[in-house]
Amino acid sequence: MLHKTRGIVLHTTDYSETSIVAKIYTELFGMQSYMVNSVRKKNAKLKSNVFQALSLVELVVYHKERVGLQRIAEAKPMPALKEIPFDVRKSSMALFLDEVLYKSIQEEECNTALFEFIFHSIQILDLQHPVNPDFHLLFLLQYTRHLGFFPVMNYDEINCVFNLQEGHFQTDIPSHPFYIPAHVSRYLHQLLEVLPDYNASVSIPVEIKRQLIEHLLEYFELHLSTFSGVKSHRVLEQIFL
């Protein structure tokens, strides 16, 4: 049976000389794997550039329950990204966000709120002028709302150390190593204060921003059992830091 759905392309894997398997987060079916045959042929019906990382697409798909690989009848950009593929700052940020999403979304079910959040965020990144150098940090924090471990906003002069395991600010350094020290937690608090405004920029020193990215990735690892091994933020650091 054919279904029309929006999707967000997260990952592609070569299947043969001309075909790929595309992992796409769809509005109707959650995360799905699609076999796309002959996509690299000269006269291919489905073009390979439609399946670039974080591309927003409109799909007509065949969907069968409990089938590993689904199939696509039609695919087109909707809307086509205007700047992310061509702007090195935006493309490096998109590469990082794409890796985070690919390694954190597992469910094969509809989650309208999460889909709309990601879809809308990509559109903002594509159109934002100039791109906010803190966009990726704001995205990660907003994303935790949908994943169920948004930080408790209890920061003050006394509770100024963020406990990564518990997800809140506290007075003392915990007995475990999973925490953000006070001088870095202050900037985490400032970022939380400006959410959900993607245009808000916090003046964060370069070294502090580098530490914040590392800590937030650790935060994801602690709260998502399947999340690990993100490396694309190293590219991002070269561009923004």
Protein backbone atom coordinates (compact mmCIF):
# COMPACT_ATOMS: atom_id res chain seq x y z
CA MET A 1 0.00 0.00 0.00
CA LEU A 2 1.29 3.47 -0.90
CA HIS A 3 1.62 6.22 1.70
CA LYS A 4 2.63 9.89 1.38
CA THR A 5 4.85 11.19 4.15
CA ARG A 6 7.48 13.81 4.87
CA GLY A 7 10.93 12.63 5.85
CA ILE A 8 14.36 13.73 7.07
CA VAL A 9 17.30 11.90 5.51
CA LEU A 10 19.84 10.89 8.17
CA HIS A 11 22.20 8.35 6.63
CA THR A 12 22.92 6.46 3.42
CA THR A 13 24.91 3.30 2.84
CA ASP A 14 26.13 1.99 -0.52
CA TYR A 15 24.33 -1.23 -1.43
CA SER A 16 25.83 -1.78 -4.86
CA GLU A 17 27.46 0.28 -7.58
CA THR A 18 24.19 2.02 -8.32
CA SER A 19 21.96 1.49 -5.27
CA ILE A 20 21.85 2.75 -1.67
CA VAL A 21 20.05 2.08 1.59
CA ALA A 22 18.73 5.31 3.08
CA LYS A 23 17.85 5.74 6.75
CA ILE A 24 15.05 8.30 6.85
CA TYR A 25 13.13 9.62 9.84
CA THR A 26 9.56 9.81 8.59
CA GLU A 27 6.53 11.68 9.87
CA LEU A 28 4.25 8.64 9.66
CA PHE A 29 6.47 5.68 10.49
CA GLY A 30 9.41 6.98 12.52
CA MET A 31 12.85 5.71 11.55
CA GLN A 32 12.81 3.52 8.44
CA SER A 33 15.36 1.96 6.10
CA TYR A 34 14.65 2.27 2.38
CA MET A 35 16.23 0.45 -0.52
CA VAL A 36 16.77 2.92 -3.36
CA ASN A 37 17.69 1.08 -6.53
CA SER A 38 19.69 2.48 -9.46
CA VAL A 39 19.97 5.90 -7.83
CA ARG A 40 23.39 6.54 -9.41
CA LYS A 41 22.37 5.72 -12.96
CA LYS A 42 22.32 8.59 -15.45
CA ASN A 43 18.57 8.38 -16.05
CA ALA A 44 17.61 7.38 -12.52
CA LYS A 45 14.02 8.11 -11.51
CA LEU A 46 15.17 8.92 -7.97
CA LYS A 47 18.18 11.27 -7.88
CA SER A 48 21.04 10.75 -5.42
CA ASN A 49 21.14 14.42 -4.40
CA VAL A 50 17.70 14.01 -2.82
CA PHE A 51 19.29 11.76 -0.20
CA GLN A 52 21.96 14.10 1.20
CA ALA A 53 22.30 14.29 5.00
CA LEU A 54 19.48 16.27 6.66
CA SER A 55 17.63 16.73 3.38
CA LEU A 56 13.92 17.41 3.90
CA VAL A 57 11.89 15.26 1.54
CA GLU A 58 8.37 14.38 0.52
CA LEU A 59 8.01 10.67 -0.08
CA VAL A 60 5.56 8.23 -1.55
CA VAL A 61 6.49 4.88 -0.01
CA TYR A 62 5.44 1.28 0.12
CA HIS A 63 5.11 0.34 3.78
CA LYS A 64 4.81 -3.14 5.24
CA GLU A 65 4.88 -3.86 8.95
CA ARG A 66 7.81 -5.91 10.27
CA VAL A 67 9.76 -5.59 7.01
CA GLY A 68 13.42 -4.59 7.37
CA LEU A 69 13.83 -2.73 4.08
CA GLN A 70 11.00 -0.59 2.73
CA ARG A 71 10.79 0.88 -0.77
CA ILE A 72 10.26 4.36 -2.17
CA ALA A 73 8.02 5.08 -5.16
CA GLU A 74 8.64 8.83 -5.29
CA ALA A 75 10.97 11.27 -3.51
CA LYS A 76 11.49 15.00 -3.93
CA PRO A 77 12.97 17.82 -1.83
CA MET A 78 10.26 19.57 0.19
CA PRO A 79 11.49 22.18 0.76
CA ALA A 80 14.86 22.13 -1.00
CA LEU A 81 17.68 23.30 1.26
CA LYS A 82 19.10 26.55 -0.08
CA GLU A 83 22.28 27.07 1.95
CA ILE A 84 23.19 24.05 4.10
CA PRO A 85 24.75 22.12 1.18
CA PHE A 86 26.82 25.12 0.04
CA ASP A 87 27.78 27.04 3.21
CA VAL A 88 30.72 25.45 5.03
CA ARG A 89 29.59 26.74 8.43
CA LYS A 90 26.07 25.44 8.01
CA SER A 91 27.13 22.17 6.39
CA SER A 92 29.60 21.38 9.20
CA MET A 93 26.90 22.10 11.77
CA ALA A 94 24.42 19.96 9.84
CA LEU A 95 26.96 17.11 9.72
CA PHE A 96 27.20 17.19 13.51
CA LEU A 97 23.43 17.39 14.09
CA ASP A 98 22.87 14.61 11.58
CA GLU A 99 25.26 12.28 13.40
CA VAL A 100 23.62 13.04 16.75
CA LEU A 101 20.16 12.33 15.33
CA TYR A 102 21.23 9.17 13.51
CA LYS A 103 22.78 7.75 16.67
CA SER A 104 19.91 8.70 18.97
CA ILE A 105 16.64 8.02 17.11
CA GLN A 106 15.66 4.37 17.27
CA GLU A 107 11.86 4.11 17.32
CA GLU A 108 9.96 2.88 14.31
CA GLU A 109 6.76 4.70 15.21
CA CYS A 110 5.11 8.05 14.67
CA ASN A 111 6.27 10.88 16.94
CA THR A 112 4.76 14.02 15.46
CA ALA A 113 6.19 16.44 18.04
CA LEU A 114 9.75 15.16 17.58
CA PHE A 115 9.45 15.14 13.80
CA GLU A 116 8.12 18.71 13.69
CA PHE A 117 10.88 19.91 16.03
CA ILE A 118 13.67 18.45 13.88
CA PHE A 119 12.07 19.48 10.57
CA HIS A 120 11.51 23.06 11.76
CA SER A 121 15.01 23.31 13.28
CA ILE A 122 16.65 22.29 9.98
CA GLN A 123 14.62 24.92 8.15
CA ILE A 124 15.77 27.59 10.62
CA LEU A 125 19.42 26.55 10.24
CA ASP A 126 19.11 26.70 6.46
CA LEU A 127 17.62 30.21 6.41
CA GLN A 128 19.33 31.84 9.40
CA HIS A 129 21.53 34.89 8.61
CA PRO A 130 24.11 34.91 9.94
CA VAL A 131 24.18 31.39 11.33
CA ASN A 132 24.21 31.42 15.13
CA PRO A 133 27.52 29.89 16.34
CA ASP A 134 25.59 28.46 19.31
CA PHE A 135 22.85 26.87 17.18
CA HIS A 136 24.08 23.31 17.75
CA LEU A 137 24.19 23.75 21.53
CA LEU A 138 20.68 25.18 21.58
CA PHE A 139 19.49 22.32 19.38
CA LEU A 140 20.98 19.66 21.66
CA LEU A 141 19.33 21.16 24.72
CA GLN A 142 15.95 21.50 23.01
CA TYR A 143 16.29 17.95 21.72
CA THR A 144 16.60 16.59 25.26
CA ARG A 145 13.02 17.76 25.92
CA HIS A 146 11.81 15.23 23.36
CA LEU A 147 14.11 12.49 24.61
CA GLY A 148 12.95 12.83 28.21
CA PHE A 149 16.02 14.17 30.01
CA PHE A 150 15.78 17.95 29.72
CA PRO A 151 17.93 19.53 32.48
CA VAL A 152 16.18 20.73 35.61
CA MET A 153 16.50 24.52 35.65
CA ASN A 154 17.40 24.96 39.33
CA TYR A 155 20.65 26.88 38.86
CA ASP A 156 21.57 29.54 41.42
CA GLU A 157 24.64 30.72 43.34
CA ILE A 158 24.46 27.64 45.57
CA ASN A 159 23.39 25.00 43.04
CA CYS A 160 26.03 25.67 40.42
CA VAL A 161 27.46 22.23 39.52
CA PHE A 162 25.52 20.26 36.91
CA ASN A 163 25.16 16.55 37.68
CA LEU A 164 25.09 14.76 34.33
CA GLN A 165 23.68 11.56 35.80
CA GLU A 166 20.82 13.21 37.65
CA GLY A 167 20.18 16.05 35.20
CA HIS A 168 20.12 18.89 37.70
CA PHE A 169 22.35 21.52 39.30
CA GLN A 170 23.63 20.89 42.81
CA THR A 171 25.88 22.39 45.45
CA ASP A 172 28.64 19.82 45.80
CA ILE A 173 30.76 17.92 43.31
CA PRO A 174 29.20 14.42 43.08
CA SER A 175 31.08 11.27 44.04
CA HIS A 176 31.16 10.15 40.39
CA PRO A 177 33.02 11.84 37.49
CA PHE A 178 29.91 12.73 35.48
CA TYR A 179 29.40 16.39 36.16
CA ILE A 180 30.02 19.84 34.69
CA PRO A 181 32.16 22.08 36.91
CA ALA A 182 30.73 25.36 38.15
CA HIS A 183 32.66 27.64 35.79
CA VAL A 184 31.23 25.73 32.80
CA SER A 185 27.78 25.09 34.28
CA ARG A 186 27.21 28.84 34.38
CA TYR A 187 27.18 28.93 30.58
CA LEU A 188 24.93 25.88 30.41
CA HIS A 189 22.48 27.79 32.57
CA GLN A 190 22.69 30.81 30.26
CA LEU A 191 21.89 28.65 27.23
CA LEU A 192 18.92 27.09 29.01
CA GLU A 193 17.66 30.58 29.86
CA VAL A 194 17.39 31.66 26.21
CA LEU A 195 15.63 28.54 24.88
CA PRO A 196 13.86 28.08 22.52
CA ASP A 197 15.22 31.12 20.67
CA TYR A 198 17.62 29.88 17.97
CA ASN A 199 18.70 33.46 17.34
CA ALA A 200 19.95 33.97 20.89
CA SER A 201 23.72 33.87 21.23
CA VAL A 202 25.59 33.54 24.50
CA SER A 203 29.14 34.89 24.67
CA ILE A 204 30.95 31.66 25.52
CA PRO A 205 34.78 31.52 25.59
CA VAL A 206 36.24 29.11 23.04
CA GLU A 207 37.60 26.59 25.53
CA ILE A 208 34.37 26.60 27.55
CA LYS A 209 32.33 25.94 24.40
CA ARG A 210 34.58 23.00 23.54
CA GLN A 211 34.03 21.57 27.02
CA LEU A 212 30.28 22.14 26.81
CA ILE A 213 30.01 20.12 23.61
CA GLU A 214 31.96 17.25 25.17
CA HIS A 215 29.83 17.33 28.33
CA LEU A 216 26.55 17.42 26.42
CA LEU A 217 27.59 14.44 24.32
CA GLU A 218 28.48 12.65 27.55
CA TYR A 219 25.03 13.61 28.88
CA PHE A 220 23.43 11.91 25.88
CA GLU A 221 25.57 8.80 26.38
CA LEU A 222 24.51 8.54 30.02
CA HIS A 223 20.82 8.74 29.19
CA LEU A 224 20.66 6.86 25.87
CA SER A 225 22.04 3.33 25.93
CA THR A 226 22.58 3.22 22.15
CA PHE A 227 24.30 6.61 21.85
CA SER A 228 28.09 6.74 21.51
CA GLY A 229 31.00 7.53 19.25
CA VAL A 230 30.02 10.95 17.86
CA LYS A 231 33.09 12.44 16.18
CA SER A 232 31.85 15.12 13.78
CA HIS A 233 32.01 17.87 16.42
CA ARG A 234 35.77 17.88 15.80
CA VAL A 235 35.08 19.28 12.34
CA LEU A 236 32.66 21.75 13.85
CA GLU A 237 35.30 22.96 16.29
CA GLN A 238 37.67 23.79 13.45
CA ILE A 239 35.02 25.97 11.82
CA PHE A 240 33.46 27.75 14.78
CA LEU A 241 35.92 27.64 17.64
